[in-house]
N, C-alpha and C. Protein backbone atom coordinates (compact mmCIF):
# COMPACT_ATOMS: atom_id res chain seq x y z
N MET A 1 85.44 115.69 121.59
CA MET A 1 85.73 115.05 120.31
C MET A 1 84.44 115.20 119.47
N SER A 2 84.72 115.55 118.19
CA SER A 2 83.59 115.65 117.29
C SER A 2 84.12 115.41 115.86
N ILE A 3 83.19 114.78 115.05
CA ILE A 3 83.48 114.60 113.65
C ILE A 3 83.37 115.89 112.91
N LEU A 4 84.32 116.21 112.08
CA LEU A 4 84.29 117.41 111.31
C LEU A 4 83.20 117.32 110.22
N VAL A 5 82.42 118.34 110.03
CA VAL A 5 81.43 118.44 108.95
C VAL A 5 82.02 119.24 107.81
N ASP A 6 81.30 119.22 106.71
CA ASP A 6 81.83 119.83 105.45
C ASP A 6 82.52 121.19 105.59
N HIS A 7 81.84 122.21 106.26
CA HIS A 7 82.46 123.53 106.36
C HIS A 7 83.68 123.52 107.29
N GLU A 8 83.68 122.57 108.29
CA GLU A 8 84.87 122.52 109.12
C GLU A 8 86.03 121.94 108.41
N ILE A 9 85.80 120.93 107.60
CA ILE A 9 86.90 120.32 106.73
C ILE A 9 87.52 121.43 105.86
N ARG A 10 86.58 122.21 105.21
CA ARG A 10 87.06 123.29 104.34
C ARG A 10 87.84 124.35 105.11
N ALA A 11 87.37 124.70 106.31
CA ALA A 11 88.09 125.66 107.15
C ALA A 11 89.44 125.21 107.58
N GLU A 12 89.59 123.93 107.90
CA GLU A 12 90.89 123.37 108.29
C GLU A 12 91.83 123.35 107.10
N ILE A 13 91.32 123.09 105.92
CA ILE A 13 92.12 123.11 104.71
C ILE A 13 92.58 124.53 104.41
N GLU A 14 91.64 125.52 104.46
CA GLU A 14 91.99 126.88 104.22
C GLU A 14 92.97 127.47 105.21
N SER A 15 92.96 126.95 106.43
CA SER A 15 93.85 127.45 107.43
C SER A 15 95.28 126.87 107.23
N GLY A 16 95.37 125.81 106.41
CA GLY A 16 96.67 125.20 106.14
C GLY A 16 97.11 124.17 107.21
N LYS A 17 96.25 123.96 108.23
CA LYS A 17 96.61 123.02 109.27
C LYS A 17 96.28 121.52 108.85
N LEU A 18 95.24 121.35 108.09
CA LEU A 18 94.94 120.03 107.51
C LEU A 18 95.33 120.12 106.09
N ILE A 19 96.21 119.23 105.63
CA ILE A 19 96.67 119.23 104.26
C ILE A 19 96.19 118.04 103.50
N ILE A 20 95.52 118.24 102.40
CA ILE A 20 95.17 117.19 101.44
C ILE A 20 95.65 117.66 100.09
N GLU A 21 96.54 116.87 99.49
CA GLU A 21 97.16 117.18 98.23
C GLU A 21 96.93 116.12 97.22
N PRO A 22 96.26 116.30 96.12
CA PRO A 22 95.55 117.55 95.72
C PRO A 22 94.23 117.59 96.48
N PHE A 23 93.73 118.79 96.74
CA PHE A 23 92.42 118.97 97.37
C PHE A 23 91.40 119.28 96.30
N ASN A 24 90.26 118.60 96.35
CA ASN A 24 89.16 118.84 95.37
C ASN A 24 87.91 119.15 96.18
N ASN A 25 87.46 120.35 96.15
CA ASN A 25 86.26 120.72 96.90
C ASN A 25 85.04 119.85 96.61
N ALA A 26 84.98 119.29 95.37
CA ALA A 26 83.81 118.46 95.01
C ALA A 26 83.80 117.11 95.79
N LEU A 27 84.93 116.72 96.38
CA LEU A 27 85.04 115.49 97.11
C LEU A 27 84.67 115.61 98.58
N VAL A 28 84.37 116.87 99.04
CA VAL A 28 83.88 117.07 100.40
C VAL A 28 82.48 116.60 100.55
N GLN A 29 82.27 115.67 101.48
CA GLN A 29 80.94 115.18 101.74
C GLN A 29 80.39 115.80 103.06
N PRO A 30 79.17 115.55 103.44
CA PRO A 30 78.66 116.16 104.70
C PRO A 30 79.47 115.90 105.90
N ASN A 31 80.08 114.71 106.03
CA ASN A 31 80.92 114.34 107.21
C ASN A 31 82.23 113.67 106.88
N SER A 32 82.70 113.83 105.64
CA SER A 32 83.90 113.11 105.23
C SER A 32 84.44 113.76 103.95
N TYR A 33 85.59 113.15 103.54
CA TYR A 33 86.20 113.55 102.29
C TYR A 33 86.43 112.29 101.48
N ASP A 34 85.90 112.25 100.23
CA ASP A 34 86.12 111.05 99.41
C ASP A 34 87.55 111.02 98.93
N VAL A 35 88.14 109.79 98.97
CA VAL A 35 89.51 109.64 98.49
C VAL A 35 89.49 108.76 97.21
N LEU A 36 90.45 109.05 96.33
CA LEU A 36 90.53 108.40 95.06
C LEU A 36 91.65 107.33 95.05
N LEU A 37 91.48 106.32 94.21
CA LEU A 37 92.46 105.20 94.16
C LEU A 37 93.65 105.68 93.22
N ALA A 38 94.81 105.47 93.74
CA ALA A 38 96.01 105.74 92.94
C ALA A 38 96.28 104.59 91.98
N ASP A 39 97.27 104.80 91.15
CA ASP A 39 97.54 103.84 90.07
C ASP A 39 98.72 102.86 90.37
N ARG A 40 99.02 102.65 91.67
CA ARG A 40 100.12 101.75 92.06
C ARG A 40 99.54 100.70 92.99
N PHE A 41 99.96 99.42 92.78
CA PHE A 41 99.44 98.32 93.48
C PHE A 41 100.55 97.38 93.85
N GLY A 42 100.36 96.61 94.92
CA GLY A 42 101.40 95.64 95.32
C GLY A 42 100.74 94.49 96.01
N TRP A 43 101.47 93.35 95.96
CA TRP A 43 101.00 92.12 96.67
C TRP A 43 102.16 91.16 96.67
N HIS A 44 101.92 90.10 97.47
CA HIS A 44 102.85 88.95 97.51
C HIS A 44 102.39 87.90 96.49
N GLU A 45 103.37 87.38 95.72
CA GLU A 45 103.03 86.24 94.84
C GLU A 45 102.67 85.01 95.71
N ARG A 46 101.79 84.17 95.23
CA ARG A 46 101.38 82.97 95.94
C ARG A 46 102.62 82.11 96.13
N SER A 47 102.78 81.64 97.37
CA SER A 47 104.00 80.84 97.72
C SER A 47 103.67 80.03 98.93
N GLU A 48 104.40 79.03 99.23
CA GLU A 48 104.30 78.24 100.43
C GLU A 48 105.23 78.78 101.54
N GLU A 49 106.06 79.76 101.09
CA GLU A 49 106.98 80.32 102.09
C GLU A 49 106.28 81.06 103.14
N VAL A 50 106.61 80.86 104.37
CA VAL A 50 105.95 81.50 105.46
C VAL A 50 106.47 82.97 105.62
N ILE A 51 105.58 83.88 105.81
CA ILE A 51 105.97 85.26 106.13
C ILE A 51 106.06 85.34 107.64
N ASP A 52 107.20 85.76 108.12
CA ASP A 52 107.40 86.04 109.57
C ASP A 52 107.45 87.52 109.67
N PRO A 53 106.43 88.19 110.26
CA PRO A 53 106.41 89.65 110.32
C PRO A 53 107.64 90.28 110.91
N TYR A 54 108.38 89.49 111.79
CA TYR A 54 109.63 90.02 112.41
C TYR A 54 110.85 89.87 111.58
N LYS A 55 110.72 89.15 110.43
CA LYS A 55 111.92 88.93 109.59
C LYS A 55 111.76 89.62 108.23
N CYS A 56 112.56 90.62 108.06
CA CYS A 56 112.46 91.51 106.86
C CYS A 56 112.51 90.72 105.58
N ASP A 57 113.48 89.76 105.48
CA ASP A 57 113.60 89.08 104.21
C ASP A 57 112.34 88.30 103.81
N THR A 58 111.66 87.76 104.81
CA THR A 58 110.38 87.01 104.46
C THR A 58 109.25 87.92 104.08
N VAL A 59 109.25 89.08 104.68
CA VAL A 59 108.23 90.08 104.31
C VAL A 59 108.47 90.64 102.93
N LEU A 60 109.70 90.92 102.61
CA LEU A 60 109.99 91.61 101.32
C LEU A 60 110.15 90.57 100.15
N ASN A 61 110.20 89.28 100.44
CA ASN A 61 110.40 88.28 99.41
C ASN A 61 109.11 88.11 98.65
N SER A 62 109.17 87.92 97.37
CA SER A 62 108.06 87.68 96.38
C SER A 62 107.06 88.90 96.30
N LEU A 63 107.55 90.09 96.56
CA LEU A 63 106.73 91.23 96.36
C LEU A 63 106.60 91.61 94.90
N VAL A 64 105.39 91.98 94.47
CA VAL A 64 105.13 92.44 93.16
C VAL A 64 104.55 93.88 93.26
N HIS A 65 105.08 94.75 92.43
CA HIS A 65 104.62 96.12 92.30
C HIS A 65 104.22 96.38 90.91
N VAL A 66 103.02 96.93 90.67
CA VAL A 66 102.66 97.31 89.29
C VAL A 66 102.01 98.71 89.34
N GLN A 67 102.04 99.32 88.23
CA GLN A 67 101.40 100.60 87.99
C GLN A 67 100.47 100.42 86.79
N GLY A 68 99.26 101.00 86.88
CA GLY A 68 98.34 100.79 85.78
C GLY A 68 97.05 101.59 86.01
N GLU A 69 96.32 101.76 84.97
CA GLU A 69 95.08 102.50 85.01
C GLU A 69 93.96 101.72 85.66
N SER A 70 94.09 100.35 85.67
CA SER A 70 93.07 99.53 86.34
C SER A 70 93.74 98.22 86.76
N ILE A 71 93.07 97.54 87.66
CA ILE A 71 93.54 96.19 88.08
C ILE A 71 92.32 95.30 88.33
N LEU A 72 92.42 94.07 87.97
CA LEU A 72 91.37 93.14 88.12
C LEU A 72 91.54 92.42 89.45
N LEU A 73 90.59 92.47 90.37
CA LEU A 73 90.71 91.92 91.70
C LEU A 73 89.80 90.64 91.70
N HIS A 74 90.44 89.48 91.79
CA HIS A 74 89.77 88.22 91.76
C HIS A 74 89.17 87.83 93.13
N PRO A 75 88.20 86.97 93.21
CA PRO A 75 87.63 86.55 94.50
C PRO A 75 88.76 85.95 95.40
N GLY A 76 88.80 86.48 96.63
CA GLY A 76 89.80 85.97 97.55
C GLY A 76 91.14 86.64 97.39
N GLN A 77 91.37 87.48 96.38
CA GLN A 77 92.59 88.18 96.20
C GLN A 77 92.77 89.35 97.13
N PHE A 78 94.03 89.50 97.59
CA PHE A 78 94.37 90.66 98.44
C PHE A 78 95.47 91.47 97.80
N ILE A 79 95.28 92.76 97.75
CA ILE A 79 96.32 93.69 97.17
C ILE A 79 96.43 94.87 98.07
N LEU A 80 97.56 95.62 97.88
CA LEU A 80 97.70 96.90 98.51
C LEU A 80 97.52 97.91 97.42
N GLY A 81 96.82 99.01 97.74
CA GLY A 81 96.66 100.13 96.92
C GLY A 81 97.02 101.34 97.70
N ALA A 82 96.62 102.55 97.17
CA ALA A 82 96.88 103.74 97.94
C ALA A 82 95.90 104.83 97.46
N THR A 83 95.79 105.85 98.31
CA THR A 83 94.94 106.99 97.89
C THR A 83 95.81 107.82 96.95
N GLN A 84 95.18 108.52 96.01
CA GLN A 84 95.86 109.52 95.21
C GLN A 84 96.31 110.65 96.10
N GLU A 85 95.48 111.01 97.07
CA GLU A 85 95.73 112.13 97.96
C GLU A 85 96.83 111.87 98.98
N ARG A 86 97.58 112.88 99.28
CA ARG A 86 98.55 112.81 100.32
C ARG A 86 98.02 113.66 101.47
N PHE A 87 98.17 113.18 102.71
CA PHE A 87 97.61 113.82 103.91
C PHE A 87 98.68 114.23 104.89
N CYS A 88 98.35 115.33 105.55
CA CYS A 88 99.17 115.77 106.71
C CYS A 88 98.09 116.26 107.72
N LEU A 89 98.02 115.60 108.82
CA LEU A 89 97.05 115.91 109.88
C LEU A 89 97.69 116.71 111.00
N PRO A 90 97.01 117.71 111.50
CA PRO A 90 97.51 118.44 112.69
C PRO A 90 97.44 117.61 113.91
N ARG A 91 98.02 118.01 115.00
CA ARG A 91 98.09 117.19 116.18
C ARG A 91 96.79 117.12 116.97
N TYR A 92 95.72 117.71 116.40
CA TYR A 92 94.42 117.65 117.10
C TYR A 92 93.33 117.05 116.19
N ILE A 93 93.72 116.43 115.10
CA ILE A 93 92.73 115.78 114.23
C ILE A 93 93.23 114.33 113.89
N VAL A 94 92.34 113.40 114.07
CA VAL A 94 92.68 112.01 113.67
C VAL A 94 91.79 111.67 112.47
N GLY A 95 92.24 110.74 111.67
CA GLY A 95 91.47 110.34 110.52
C GLY A 95 90.99 108.87 110.63
N GLN A 96 89.90 108.61 110.03
CA GLN A 96 89.38 107.17 109.98
C GLN A 96 89.00 106.94 108.52
N LEU A 97 89.71 106.01 107.88
CA LEU A 97 89.40 105.75 106.50
C LEU A 97 88.52 104.48 106.38
N THR A 98 87.43 104.62 105.66
CA THR A 98 86.51 103.52 105.45
C THR A 98 86.25 103.35 103.96
N GLY A 99 85.83 102.21 103.55
CA GLY A 99 85.56 101.93 102.17
C GLY A 99 84.18 102.51 101.74
N LYS A 100 83.98 102.57 100.45
CA LYS A 100 82.67 103.05 99.95
C LYS A 100 81.69 101.89 100.00
N SER A 101 80.44 102.15 100.44
CA SER A 101 79.46 101.13 100.60
C SER A 101 79.12 100.54 99.26
N SER A 102 79.12 101.32 98.16
CA SER A 102 78.84 100.83 96.82
C SER A 102 79.83 99.72 96.37
N LEU A 103 81.07 99.86 96.79
CA LEU A 103 82.10 98.83 96.45
C LEU A 103 81.94 97.61 97.44
N ALA A 104 81.59 97.87 98.65
CA ALA A 104 81.40 96.79 99.60
C ALA A 104 80.26 95.88 99.14
N ARG A 105 79.24 96.45 98.50
CA ARG A 105 78.11 95.68 97.98
C ARG A 105 78.52 94.78 96.83
N LEU A 106 79.74 95.08 96.30
CA LEU A 106 80.29 94.23 95.23
C LEU A 106 81.28 93.19 95.81
N GLY A 107 81.50 93.26 97.07
CA GLY A 107 82.47 92.32 97.75
C GLY A 107 83.81 92.93 97.94
N VAL A 108 84.04 94.15 97.62
CA VAL A 108 85.36 94.80 97.75
C VAL A 108 85.42 95.52 99.09
N MET A 109 86.34 94.93 99.94
CA MET A 109 86.59 95.55 101.29
C MET A 109 87.89 96.38 101.18
N VAL A 110 87.80 97.60 101.66
CA VAL A 110 88.92 98.54 101.60
C VAL A 110 89.36 98.87 103.01
N HIS A 111 90.63 98.87 103.20
CA HIS A 111 91.20 99.19 104.54
C HIS A 111 90.71 98.17 105.54
N VAL A 112 91.07 96.93 105.34
CA VAL A 112 90.61 95.83 106.13
C VAL A 112 90.70 96.00 107.62
N THR A 113 91.84 96.41 108.13
CA THR A 113 91.97 96.62 109.59
C THR A 113 92.62 97.94 109.99
N ALA A 114 93.31 98.57 109.14
CA ALA A 114 94.21 99.65 109.53
C ALA A 114 93.66 101.07 109.11
N GLY A 115 92.41 101.30 109.39
CA GLY A 115 91.84 102.58 108.97
C GLY A 115 92.08 103.77 109.78
N PHE A 116 92.71 103.59 111.04
CA PHE A 116 92.88 104.71 111.93
C PHE A 116 94.14 105.47 111.54
N ILE A 117 94.09 106.79 111.41
CA ILE A 117 95.25 107.55 111.05
C ILE A 117 95.53 108.52 112.18
N ASP A 118 96.66 108.34 112.82
CA ASP A 118 97.00 109.15 114.02
C ASP A 118 97.16 110.58 113.76
N ALA A 119 96.88 111.40 114.77
CA ALA A 119 97.13 112.88 114.79
C ALA A 119 98.58 113.08 114.45
N GLY A 120 98.90 114.00 113.59
CA GLY A 120 100.24 114.35 113.24
C GLY A 120 100.82 113.51 112.11
N PHE A 121 100.04 112.64 111.46
CA PHE A 121 100.41 111.90 110.28
C PHE A 121 100.31 112.92 109.12
N SER A 122 101.20 113.00 108.33
CA SER A 122 102.60 112.62 108.12
C SER A 122 103.25 113.88 107.65
N HIS A 123 104.48 114.05 108.05
CA HIS A 123 105.26 115.20 107.58
C HIS A 123 106.51 114.71 106.92
N PRO A 124 106.64 114.73 105.63
CA PRO A 124 105.83 115.40 104.66
C PRO A 124 104.47 114.69 104.42
N PRO A 125 103.52 115.36 103.75
CA PRO A 125 102.26 114.67 103.48
C PRO A 125 102.49 113.32 102.74
N ALA A 126 101.69 112.32 103.07
CA ALA A 126 101.90 110.97 102.48
C ALA A 126 100.56 110.38 102.10
N GLN A 127 100.64 109.44 101.10
CA GLN A 127 99.49 108.74 100.70
C GLN A 127 99.14 107.72 101.76
N ILE A 128 97.89 107.29 101.82
CA ILE A 128 97.43 106.30 102.72
C ILE A 128 97.41 104.95 101.99
N THR A 129 98.07 103.99 102.53
CA THR A 129 98.08 102.61 101.92
C THR A 129 96.76 101.96 102.31
N LEU A 130 96.16 101.30 101.26
CA LEU A 130 94.91 100.62 101.43
C LEU A 130 95.09 99.13 101.36
N GLU A 131 94.50 98.38 102.28
CA GLU A 131 94.41 96.94 102.18
C GLU A 131 93.13 96.61 101.58
N ILE A 132 93.17 95.98 100.36
CA ILE A 132 91.96 95.79 99.57
C ILE A 132 91.83 94.22 99.29
N VAL A 133 90.62 93.71 99.53
CA VAL A 133 90.37 92.29 99.28
C VAL A 133 89.02 92.13 98.67
N ASN A 134 88.89 91.15 97.77
CA ASN A 134 87.62 90.85 97.19
C ASN A 134 87.02 89.61 97.88
N VAL A 135 86.01 89.82 98.69
CA VAL A 135 85.37 88.74 99.41
C VAL A 135 84.10 88.26 98.63
N GLY A 136 83.90 88.79 97.45
CA GLY A 136 82.73 88.41 96.68
C GLY A 136 83.02 87.17 95.82
N ASN A 137 82.09 86.84 94.94
CA ASN A 137 82.15 85.63 94.10
C ASN A 137 82.59 85.92 92.68
N ARG A 138 82.74 87.21 92.29
CA ARG A 138 83.13 87.59 90.94
C ARG A 138 84.27 88.56 90.94
N PRO A 139 85.10 88.52 89.89
CA PRO A 139 86.20 89.46 89.78
C PRO A 139 85.58 90.91 89.63
N VAL A 140 86.35 91.85 90.22
CA VAL A 140 85.88 93.30 90.15
C VAL A 140 87.09 94.09 89.65
N ARG A 141 86.89 94.94 88.58
CA ARG A 141 87.90 95.81 88.11
C ARG A 141 87.89 97.14 88.87
N LEU A 142 89.03 97.48 89.39
CA LEU A 142 89.18 98.76 90.06
C LEU A 142 90.00 99.72 89.16
N HIS A 143 89.58 100.95 89.10
CA HIS A 143 90.17 101.93 88.19
C HIS A 143 90.90 103.04 89.02
N ALA A 144 92.11 103.38 88.53
CA ALA A 144 92.79 104.45 89.16
C ALA A 144 91.93 105.71 88.97
N GLY A 145 91.84 106.52 90.02
CA GLY A 145 91.00 107.74 89.95
C GLY A 145 89.59 107.59 90.43
N MET A 146 89.17 106.31 90.67
CA MET A 146 87.81 106.15 91.14
C MET A 146 87.70 106.42 92.62
N PRO A 147 86.56 106.90 93.16
CA PRO A 147 86.38 107.02 94.58
C PRO A 147 86.48 105.60 95.20
N ILE A 148 87.38 105.44 96.14
CA ILE A 148 87.60 104.11 96.74
C ILE A 148 87.24 104.06 98.19
N GLY A 149 87.24 105.27 98.86
CA GLY A 149 86.94 105.30 100.30
C GLY A 149 86.59 106.71 100.70
N GLN A 150 86.42 106.88 102.00
CA GLN A 150 86.17 108.22 102.55
C GLN A 150 86.89 108.35 103.82
N MET A 151 87.47 109.54 104.05
CA MET A 151 88.21 109.85 105.23
C MET A 151 87.31 110.73 106.14
N VAL A 152 87.11 110.19 107.34
CA VAL A 152 86.38 110.91 108.35
C VAL A 152 87.39 111.54 109.28
N PHE A 153 87.25 112.85 109.58
CA PHE A 153 88.15 113.52 110.48
C PHE A 153 87.49 113.80 111.79
N THR A 154 88.17 113.54 112.90
CA THR A 154 87.67 113.78 114.21
C THR A 154 88.61 114.72 114.96
N ARG A 155 88.07 115.79 115.53
CA ARG A 155 88.78 116.75 116.35
C ARG A 155 88.93 116.17 117.69
N THR A 156 90.17 116.11 118.22
CA THR A 156 90.47 115.56 119.54
C THR A 156 91.26 116.62 120.35
N ALA A 157 91.55 116.27 121.57
CA ALA A 157 92.51 117.08 122.31
C ALA A 157 93.88 116.98 121.60
N GLU A 158 94.65 117.99 121.69
CA GLU A 158 95.95 118.03 121.02
C GLU A 158 96.89 117.03 121.67
N CYS A 159 97.48 116.18 120.87
CA CYS A 159 98.44 115.12 121.43
C CYS A 159 99.77 115.81 121.79
N GLN A 160 100.45 115.21 122.72
CA GLN A 160 101.80 115.76 123.09
C GLN A 160 102.85 115.41 122.02
N VAL A 161 102.77 114.20 121.51
CA VAL A 161 103.76 113.76 120.50
C VAL A 161 102.99 113.34 119.27
N ALA A 162 103.09 114.12 118.20
CA ALA A 162 102.44 113.80 116.96
C ALA A 162 103.08 112.61 116.32
N TYR A 163 102.30 111.88 115.49
CA TYR A 163 102.81 110.66 114.79
C TYR A 163 104.19 110.89 114.17
N HIS A 164 104.34 111.97 113.42
CA HIS A 164 105.61 112.18 112.73
C HIS A 164 106.77 112.43 113.67
N GLU A 165 106.50 112.79 114.92
CA GLU A 165 107.52 113.10 115.89
C GLU A 165 108.00 111.91 116.68
N LYS A 166 107.23 110.88 116.71
CA LYS A 166 107.52 109.74 117.59
C LYS A 166 108.69 108.90 116.98
N PRO A 167 109.56 108.40 117.84
CA PRO A 167 110.68 107.61 117.30
C PRO A 167 110.04 106.32 116.66
N GLY A 168 110.58 105.92 115.55
CA GLY A 168 110.11 104.74 114.89
C GLY A 168 108.77 104.89 114.12
N ALA A 169 108.46 106.11 113.70
CA ALA A 169 107.23 106.39 112.92
C ALA A 169 107.49 105.80 111.54
N LYS A 170 107.36 104.51 111.39
CA LYS A 170 107.84 103.83 110.22
C LYS A 170 107.07 104.06 108.91
N TYR A 171 105.92 104.61 109.04
CA TYR A 171 105.10 104.93 107.83
C TYR A 171 105.02 106.41 107.51
N ASN A 172 105.79 107.21 108.28
CA ASN A 172 105.80 108.64 108.01
C ASN A 172 106.45 108.91 106.62
N GLY A 173 105.73 109.61 105.75
CA GLY A 173 106.19 109.94 104.41
C GLY A 173 106.13 108.71 103.48
N GLN A 174 105.36 107.71 103.79
CA GLN A 174 105.30 106.44 103.07
C GLN A 174 105.00 106.65 101.60
N PRO A 175 105.58 105.81 100.75
CA PRO A 175 105.23 105.81 99.30
C PRO A 175 103.88 105.09 99.10
N ALA A 176 103.37 105.21 97.92
CA ALA A 176 102.08 104.55 97.55
C ALA A 176 102.22 103.10 97.74
N ALA A 177 101.13 102.44 98.27
CA ALA A 177 101.06 100.95 98.47
C ALA A 177 102.29 100.44 99.24
N ALA A 178 102.63 101.10 100.35
CA ALA A 178 103.75 100.68 101.19
C ALA A 178 103.45 99.34 101.85
N HIS A 179 104.39 98.41 101.76
CA HIS A 179 104.22 97.09 102.40
C HIS A 179 104.55 97.12 103.85
N SER A 180 104.24 96.10 104.55
CA SER A 180 104.38 95.96 105.92
C SER A 180 105.82 96.27 106.39
N ARG A 181 105.97 97.02 107.43
CA ARG A 181 107.28 97.34 108.05
C ARG A 181 107.22 96.80 109.47
N TYR A 182 106.48 95.83 109.72
CA TYR A 182 106.27 95.30 111.07
C TYR A 182 107.66 94.78 111.60
N TYR A 183 108.53 94.28 110.76
CA TYR A 183 109.84 93.82 111.10
C TYR A 183 110.68 94.95 111.78
N MET A 184 110.27 96.17 111.72
CA MET A 184 111.02 97.28 112.30
C MET A 184 110.63 97.43 113.80
N ASN A 185 109.57 96.72 114.24
CA ASN A 185 109.22 96.70 115.61
C ASN A 185 110.28 95.92 116.42
N SER A 186 110.53 96.38 117.61
CA SER A 186 111.51 95.67 118.42
C SER A 186 110.87 94.44 119.03
N VAL A 187 111.66 93.36 119.04
CA VAL A 187 111.20 92.13 119.61
C VAL A 187 112.43 91.34 120.20
N ALA A 188 112.19 90.69 121.25
CA ALA A 188 113.27 89.81 121.76
C ALA A 188 113.18 88.49 121.12
N ASN A 189 114.24 88.12 120.34
CA ASN A 189 114.29 86.87 119.64
C ASN A 189 115.17 85.85 120.37
């Protein structure tokens, strides 16, 4: 296993095995690819209603979706965003999305827990949903099109079942700022 460096990222793109749409050569870094913030955001309105991850109606209730050139993120506020780029990973490359350190220094945390992207994500190419929270003391304005994170690609052994092939791949082909689909997990109630 090894992290792809700049020329390896470009070679995978040129081969057509790693898909980034749109691809911008200027966003290739020495060991990653910078991703840009899309213009769609979502969140739950403040409420006392409990969200039960296993119950669809509680997850989908009070959802707000907006589209805009920027959004003001207040201290303690949590929103979903997305990358402008759509990704399709081959079955031998995994992705790890991390936030930009310059934004973290302002209190903006990107991809709070779900930064690992499985090999074989996604067919068709899909945007990556971002979990964004402001842990700082001041509001921060985020702009569509700004670098929001970086994707690190790691070459692995080829998996037998790619993400898009597994039954219940609930985020395959996901739209921008896709909300939780945890309720699609099986559970004995």
